[in-house]
Amino acid sequence: VAASQRGRQGEAGGGGRAWRKDRGHGTAGRSSARHGGPAVGYNSRGGGAPSWGVGCAGAGQQSSRMGQAPEMAAPLLLRVEDADAEWSSRPHRIALFVEPSPFAYISGYKNRFQNFIKHLREMGDEVLVVTTHKGAPEEFHGAKVIGSWSFPCPLYQNVPLSLALSPRIFSAVSKFKPDIIHATSPGVMVFGALAIAKMISVPMVMSYHTHLPAYLPGYNLNWLLGPTWGLIRCLHRSADLTLVPSVAIAEDFETAKVVPANRVRLWNKGVDSESFHPKFRRHEMRIKLRYLLLLQIQQGKS
């Protein structure tokens, strides 16, 4: 996962479009956003795992809403040096709204968020996790976990959804006093997270994971493409920063004019270097895997 990439330096791309493929240099999860007012994004402390950062916007890159120069496209990945030094050096309080649960539901970002929480805690950050209630533990690597009542998705019963806007959750998040709120998108819980962020005046980051517009044509639901993009725009324009898992999705966001380029950053995937370490290499296992691959090819031909 991106959170497990440690001690690797990355160079930020130059000018031009924020997410051009030739700009995609740098270490994932080590960028900070530049826009009007405080810039919200990832930076790293110590070992290199990502943490939240808020830095001052650079000269000439502040929002036109502040009476300065118009917004400009910023590199998709920025160097850690671009983050505010004071913010980068101290622990933070981060509220994570993750739907569905990274503890019970098997999904593409289960390992990502489990490792993300683990590395934030290792760096000394305080973490509060709000997720769907089924299978949610009371704590995970020292992070408090709050389960929110959930219901099955009408179109996909295996996916639990939750608004997470009950008085109990609002009270817990308010008492936690987060420096920033991070919510997964798209979903239902992101609306509750956004409402809480607005009510307690905390910066909001959304990480985009399921690219719904790419799935709709396969279900003959092309007529929903317009409303779906409209909903995505409404959500992510309300966030201070949007994280996307790939350059391709960032390009789709640019084409659909979801948010300005300088409010999108790449949070790409990585490899768990502890679980997938060369020390586990075994010649016998490689022979078995080769045999299984040849068997599968043979069955496909027959």
Protein backbone atom coordinates (compact mmCIF):
# COMPACT_ATOMS: atom_id res chain seq x y z
CA VAL A 1 0.00 0.00 0.00
CA ALA A 2 0.99 3.59 -0.46
CA ALA A 3 1.40 4.05 3.27
CA SER A 4 4.12 1.42 3.42
CA GLN A 5 6.53 3.11 1.03
CA ARG A 6 9.29 4.28 3.34
CA GLY A 7 12.40 6.33 3.01
CA ARG A 8 12.15 6.85 -0.76
CA GLN A 9 12.68 10.30 -2.21
CA GLY A 10 10.59 11.50 -5.13
CA GLU A 11 10.91 14.46 -7.44
CA ALA A 12 7.83 16.48 -8.24
CA GLY A 13 6.98 17.16 -11.85
CA GLY A 14 7.35 20.61 -13.33
CA GLY A 15 4.62 22.81 -14.69
CA GLY A 16 1.87 21.83 -17.06
CA ARG A 17 -1.07 19.59 -16.28
CA ALA A 18 -1.11 18.27 -12.76
CA TRP A 19 -1.56 14.65 -13.73
CA ARG A 20 0.17 14.22 -17.08
CA LYS A 21 1.85 10.83 -17.26
CA ASP A 22 5.25 12.45 -17.69
CA ARG A 23 4.59 14.33 -14.44
CA GLY A 24 3.84 11.25 -12.38
CA HIS A 25 7.13 11.15 -10.50
CA GLY A 26 7.61 10.99 -6.76
CA THR A 27 6.64 8.85 -3.83
CA ALA A 28 2.98 8.14 -3.36
CA GLY A 29 1.39 9.72 -0.36
CA ARG A 30 3.96 12.48 0.05
CA SER A 31 2.23 15.42 -1.56
CA SER A 32 0.62 18.57 -0.30
CA ALA A 33 -2.07 20.61 -1.98
CA ARG A 34 -1.65 24.22 -2.99
CA HIS A 35 -4.74 26.32 -3.20
CA GLY A 36 -6.30 29.33 -1.58
CA GLY A 37 -5.69 29.43 2.16
CA PRO A 38 -4.06 26.46 3.89
CA ALA A 39 -3.00 23.65 1.60
CA VAL A 40 -4.18 20.26 2.78
CA GLY A 41 -2.38 17.10 1.77
CA TYR A 42 0.08 14.35 2.53
CA ASN A 43 3.58 14.81 3.79
CA SER A 44 5.90 12.57 5.78
CA ARG A 45 7.74 12.63 9.04
CA GLY A 46 10.67 10.53 10.11
CA GLY A 47 10.40 7.11 8.45
CA GLY A 48 8.61 8.33 5.37
CA ALA A 49 5.10 6.98 5.89
CA PRO A 50 2.48 9.56 4.93
CA SER A 51 0.76 11.93 7.30
CA TRP A 52 -1.57 14.82 6.84
CA GLY A 53 -0.03 18.20 6.22
CA VAL A 54 -1.29 21.74 5.99
CA GLY A 55 1.09 24.23 4.46
CA CYS A 56 0.88 27.79 3.17
CA ALA A 57 0.04 28.24 -0.49
CA GLY A 58 2.93 29.23 -2.72
CA ALA A 59 3.24 32.67 -4.25
CA GLY A 60 1.19 33.08 -7.38
CA GLN A 61 -0.73 29.83 -6.71
CA GLN A 62 -3.40 31.08 -4.36
CA SER A 63 -7.03 31.01 -5.33
CA SER A 64 -8.54 33.83 -7.30
CA ARG A 65 -11.22 33.88 -4.60
CA MET A 66 -8.58 35.42 -2.34
CA GLY A 67 -8.03 38.24 -4.82
CA GLN A 68 -4.75 36.75 -6.01
CA ALA A 69 -3.66 35.12 -9.24
CA PRO A 70 -6.03 32.55 -10.81
CA GLU A 71 -5.68 28.92 -9.81
CA MET A 72 -2.89 27.13 -11.65
CA ALA A 73 -2.32 23.45 -12.33
CA ALA A 74 0.11 22.02 -9.77
CA PRO A 75 2.17 18.82 -9.99
CA LEU A 76 0.19 15.71 -9.08
CA LEU A 77 2.96 14.72 -6.68
CA LEU A 78 4.86 17.32 -4.68
CA ARG A 79 8.03 17.01 -2.66
CA VAL A 80 7.78 16.69 1.10
CA GLU A 81 9.80 19.91 1.33
CA ASP A 82 6.76 21.78 -0.02
CA ALA A 83 4.81 21.04 3.15
CA ASP A 84 4.81 23.41 6.07
CA ALA A 85 7.69 22.41 8.38
CA GLU A 86 5.84 23.10 11.63
CA TRP A 87 2.82 21.06 10.57
CA SER A 88 4.99 18.21 9.32
CA SER A 89 6.95 17.84 12.53
CA ARG A 90 4.15 17.39 15.04
CA PRO A 91 1.59 14.59 15.53
CA HIS A 92 -1.96 15.18 14.33
CA ARG A 93 -5.49 14.07 15.03
CA ILE A 94 -7.13 12.42 12.02
CA ALA A 95 -10.73 11.23 11.72
CA LEU A 96 -11.19 8.56 9.05
CA PHE A 97 -14.62 7.77 7.62
CA VAL A 98 -14.26 4.49 5.71
CA GLU A 99 -17.16 2.76 3.93
CA PRO A 100 -17.49 -0.19 3.72
CA SER A 101 -15.49 -1.41 6.71
CA PRO A 102 -11.80 -2.18 6.13
CA PHE A 103 -12.07 -4.68 9.00
CA ALA A 104 -14.91 -6.93 7.82
CA TYR A 105 -15.68 -6.30 4.15
CA ILE A 106 -13.15 -7.75 1.68
CA SER A 107 -12.44 -4.93 -0.73
CA GLY A 108 -9.69 -3.42 -2.80
CA TYR A 109 -8.77 -0.89 -0.14
CA LYS A 110 -8.93 -3.09 2.96
CA ASN A 111 -5.15 -3.49 3.15
CA ARG A 112 -4.63 0.13 2.11
CA PHE A 113 -6.58 1.54 5.04
CA GLN A 114 -5.40 -0.99 7.57
CA ASN A 115 -1.78 -0.15 6.73
CA PHE A 116 -2.61 3.55 6.56
CA ILE A 117 -3.97 3.47 10.11
CA LYS A 118 -1.02 1.38 11.28
CA HIS A 119 1.58 3.80 9.89
CA LEU A 120 -0.22 6.89 11.17
CA ARG A 121 -0.19 5.38 14.63
CA GLU A 122 3.49 4.45 14.33
CA MET A 123 4.25 8.12 13.64
CA GLY A 124 2.37 9.19 16.76
CA ASP A 125 -0.80 10.50 15.12
CA GLU A 126 -4.09 10.08 16.95
CA VAL A 127 -6.64 8.34 14.73
CA LEU A 128 -10.41 7.95 15.06
CA VAL A 129 -12.05 5.54 12.59
CA VAL A 130 -15.76 5.68 11.76
CA THR A 131 -16.98 2.77 9.66
CA THR A 132 -19.92 0.39 9.17
CA HIS A 133 -20.79 -1.50 12.36
CA LYS A 134 -20.55 -5.14 11.31
CA GLY A 135 -17.24 -6.65 12.36
CA ALA A 136 -15.82 -3.33 13.56
CA PRO A 137 -13.36 -3.78 16.47
CA GLU A 138 -13.23 -1.39 19.41
CA GLU A 139 -9.69 -0.37 18.45
CA PHE A 140 -7.10 -1.11 15.78
CA HIS A 141 -3.38 -0.52 16.41
CA GLY A 142 -4.34 2.00 19.09
CA ALA A 143 -6.88 3.81 16.91
CA LYS A 144 -10.39 4.03 18.33
CA VAL A 145 -13.03 2.53 16.04
CA ILE A 146 -16.69 3.60 16.03
CA GLY A 147 -19.22 1.37 14.29
CA SER A 148 -22.15 3.10 12.60
CA TRP A 149 -25.43 1.33 11.94
CA SER A 150 -25.46 0.20 8.31
CA PHE A 151 -27.82 -1.15 5.68
CA PRO A 152 -27.15 -3.22 2.53
CA CYS A 153 -26.73 -1.42 -0.77
CA PRO A 154 -29.97 -1.88 -2.75
CA LEU A 155 -28.11 -2.77 -5.94
CA TYR A 156 -25.38 -4.86 -4.28
CA GLN A 157 -26.48 -6.51 -1.05
CA ASN A 158 -22.96 -7.47 0.04
CA VAL A 159 -21.89 -3.84 0.39
CA PRO A 160 -22.95 -2.21 3.71
CA LEU A 161 -23.66 1.53 3.65
CA SER A 162 -24.08 4.05 6.45
CA LEU A 163 -24.70 7.79 6.72
CA ALA A 164 -22.75 8.01 10.02
CA LEU A 165 -24.51 11.21 11.05
CA SER A 166 -26.04 10.15 14.35
CA PRO A 167 -25.72 12.36 17.46
CA ARG A 168 -23.45 9.68 18.97
CA ILE A 169 -20.95 9.87 16.10
CA PHE A 170 -21.13 13.66 15.83
CA SER A 171 -20.42 13.94 19.57
CA ALA A 172 -17.49 11.49 19.38
CA VAL A 173 -15.88 13.29 16.43
CA SER A 174 -16.41 16.71 18.03
CA LYS A 175 -14.80 15.58 21.30
CA PHE A 176 -11.92 14.04 19.35
CA LYS A 177 -11.19 17.50 17.85
CA PRO A 178 -9.59 16.29 14.60
CA ASP A 179 -7.12 18.40 12.64
CA ILE A 180 -8.54 16.91 9.46
CA ILE A 181 -11.29 14.55 8.27
CA HIS A 182 -10.62 11.97 5.55
CA ALA A 183 -13.57 10.16 3.94
CA THR A 184 -13.79 7.55 1.20
CA SER A 185 -15.82 8.29 -1.91
CA PRO A 186 -18.19 7.49 -3.55
CA GLY A 187 -20.67 6.23 -1.00
CA VAL A 188 -23.21 7.31 1.59
CA MET A 189 -20.92 7.87 4.59
CA VAL A 190 -19.01 10.60 2.77
CA PHE A 191 -22.11 12.83 3.02
CA GLY A 192 -22.18 12.42 6.80
CA ALA A 193 -18.43 13.07 7.02
CA LEU A 194 -18.79 16.20 4.90
CA ALA A 195 -21.64 17.50 7.06
CA ILE A 196 -19.63 16.96 10.25
CA ALA A 197 -16.54 18.60 8.72
CA LYS A 198 -18.59 21.68 7.84
CA MET A 199 -20.26 21.85 11.24
CA ILE A 200 -17.01 21.70 13.20
CA SER A 201 -15.01 23.70 10.61
CA VAL A 202 -12.35 21.08 9.86
CA PRO A 203 -10.54 20.60 6.50
CA MET A 204 -11.97 17.76 4.43
CA VAL A 205 -10.09 15.27 2.25
CA MET A 206 -11.87 12.73 0.06
CA SER A 207 -10.15 9.69 -1.42
CA TYR A 208 -11.88 8.36 -4.53
CA HIS A 209 -11.83 4.57 -4.91
CA THR A 210 -14.67 3.12 -7.03
CA HIS A 211 -14.85 4.70 -10.48
CA LEU A 212 -18.60 4.37 -11.01
CA PRO A 213 -18.71 5.98 -14.50
CA ALA A 214 -16.49 3.17 -15.78
CA TYR A 215 -18.93 0.49 -14.56
CA LEU A 216 -22.24 1.93 -15.77
CA PRO A 217 -21.89 1.12 -19.51
CA GLY A 218 -21.32 -2.55 -18.66
CA TYR A 219 -24.75 -2.63 -17.00
CA ASN A 220 -26.43 -0.71 -19.86
CA LEU A 221 -26.89 2.27 -17.57
CA ASN A 222 -25.36 4.92 -19.83
CA TRP A 223 -28.28 7.21 -19.05
CA LEU A 224 -26.92 7.46 -15.48
CA LEU A 225 -23.51 8.77 -16.56
CA GLY A 226 -24.59 12.42 -16.47
CA PRO A 227 -26.22 12.29 -13.01
CA THR A 228 -23.30 10.22 -11.63
CA TRP A 229 -20.69 12.74 -12.78
CA GLY A 230 -22.90 15.50 -11.39
CA LEU A 231 -22.95 13.81 -7.99
CA ILE A 232 -19.17 13.30 -8.07
CA ARG A 233 -18.67 16.99 -8.89
CA CYS A 234 -20.99 18.07 -6.08
CA LEU A 235 -19.14 15.93 -3.55
CA HIS A 236 -15.55 16.63 -4.47
CA ARG A 237 -15.97 20.35 -5.02
CA SER A 238 -16.97 20.47 -1.36
CA ALA A 239 -13.66 18.89 -0.30
CA ASP A 240 -10.39 20.74 0.25
CA LEU A 241 -8.46 17.97 -1.48
CA THR A 242 -9.27 14.90 -3.59
CA LEU A 243 -7.01 11.84 -3.69
CA VAL A 244 -7.27 9.51 -6.71
CA PRO A 245 -5.70 6.04 -7.09
CA SER A 246 -4.40 6.44 -10.66
CA VAL A 247 -3.34 8.94 -13.30
CA ALA A 248 -6.11 7.64 -15.58
CA ILE A 249 -8.83 8.58 -13.08
CA ALA A 250 -7.20 11.97 -12.55
CA GLU A 251 -7.41 12.52 -16.31
CA ASP A 252 -11.10 11.53 -16.25
CA PHE A 253 -11.65 14.07 -13.48
CA GLU A 254 -9.96 16.71 -15.61
CA THR A 255 -12.09 15.87 -18.66
CA ALA A 256 -15.28 15.95 -16.59
CA LYS A 257 -14.19 19.17 -14.86
CA VAL A 258 -14.79 17.68 -11.43
CA VAL A 259 -12.38 19.92 -9.46
CA PRO A 260 -9.49 22.27 -10.30
CA ALA A 261 -6.21 20.50 -11.05
CA ASN A 262 -4.47 21.91 -8.00
CA ARG A 263 -6.97 20.20 -5.69
CA VAL A 264 -6.28 16.66 -6.93
CA ARG A 265 -3.39 14.46 -5.80
CA LEU A 266 -2.34 10.92 -6.62
CA TRP A 267 -2.55 8.33 -3.84
CA ASN A 268 -1.39 5.35 -5.82
CA LYS A 269 -0.99 1.78 -4.75
CA GLY A 270 2.14 0.23 -3.34
CA VAL A 271 3.46 -3.09 -2.08
CA ASP A 272 3.64 -4.25 1.53
CA SER A 273 7.41 -4.69 1.75
CA GLU A 274 7.11 -6.68 4.98
CA SER A 275 4.73 -9.35 3.65
CA PHE A 276 6.26 -9.44 0.17
CA HIS A 277 9.96 -9.45 1.06
CA PRO A 278 12.66 -11.22 -1.01
CA LYS A 279 13.55 -13.26 2.08
CA PHE A 280 10.41 -15.33 1.46
CA ARG A 281 11.59 -16.40 -1.99
CA ARG A 282 11.47 -20.20 -2.38
CA HIS A 283 12.49 -22.15 -5.47
CA GLU A 284 10.02 -24.95 -4.64
CA MET A 285 7.10 -22.50 -4.58
CA ARG A 286 8.12 -21.05 -7.95
CA ILE A 287 8.05 -24.56 -9.44
CA LYS A 288 4.57 -25.16 -8.01
CA LEU A 289 3.29 -21.83 -9.34
CA ARG A 290 4.74 -22.58 -12.78
CA TYR A 291 3.00 -25.96 -12.78
CA LEU A 292 -0.33 -24.41 -11.80
CA LEU A 293 0.02 -21.79 -14.53
CA LEU A 294 0.76 -24.42 -17.20
CA LEU A 295 -2.20 -26.50 -15.95
CA GLN A 296 -4.51 -23.51 -16.19
CA ILE A 297 -3.32 -22.76 -19.73
CA GLN A 298 -3.88 -26.38 -20.74
CA GLN A 299 -7.40 -26.41 -19.29
CA GLY A 300 -8.17 -23.22 -21.17
CA LYS A 301 -7.13 -24.78 -24.46
CA SER A 302 -9.26 -27.87 -23.82
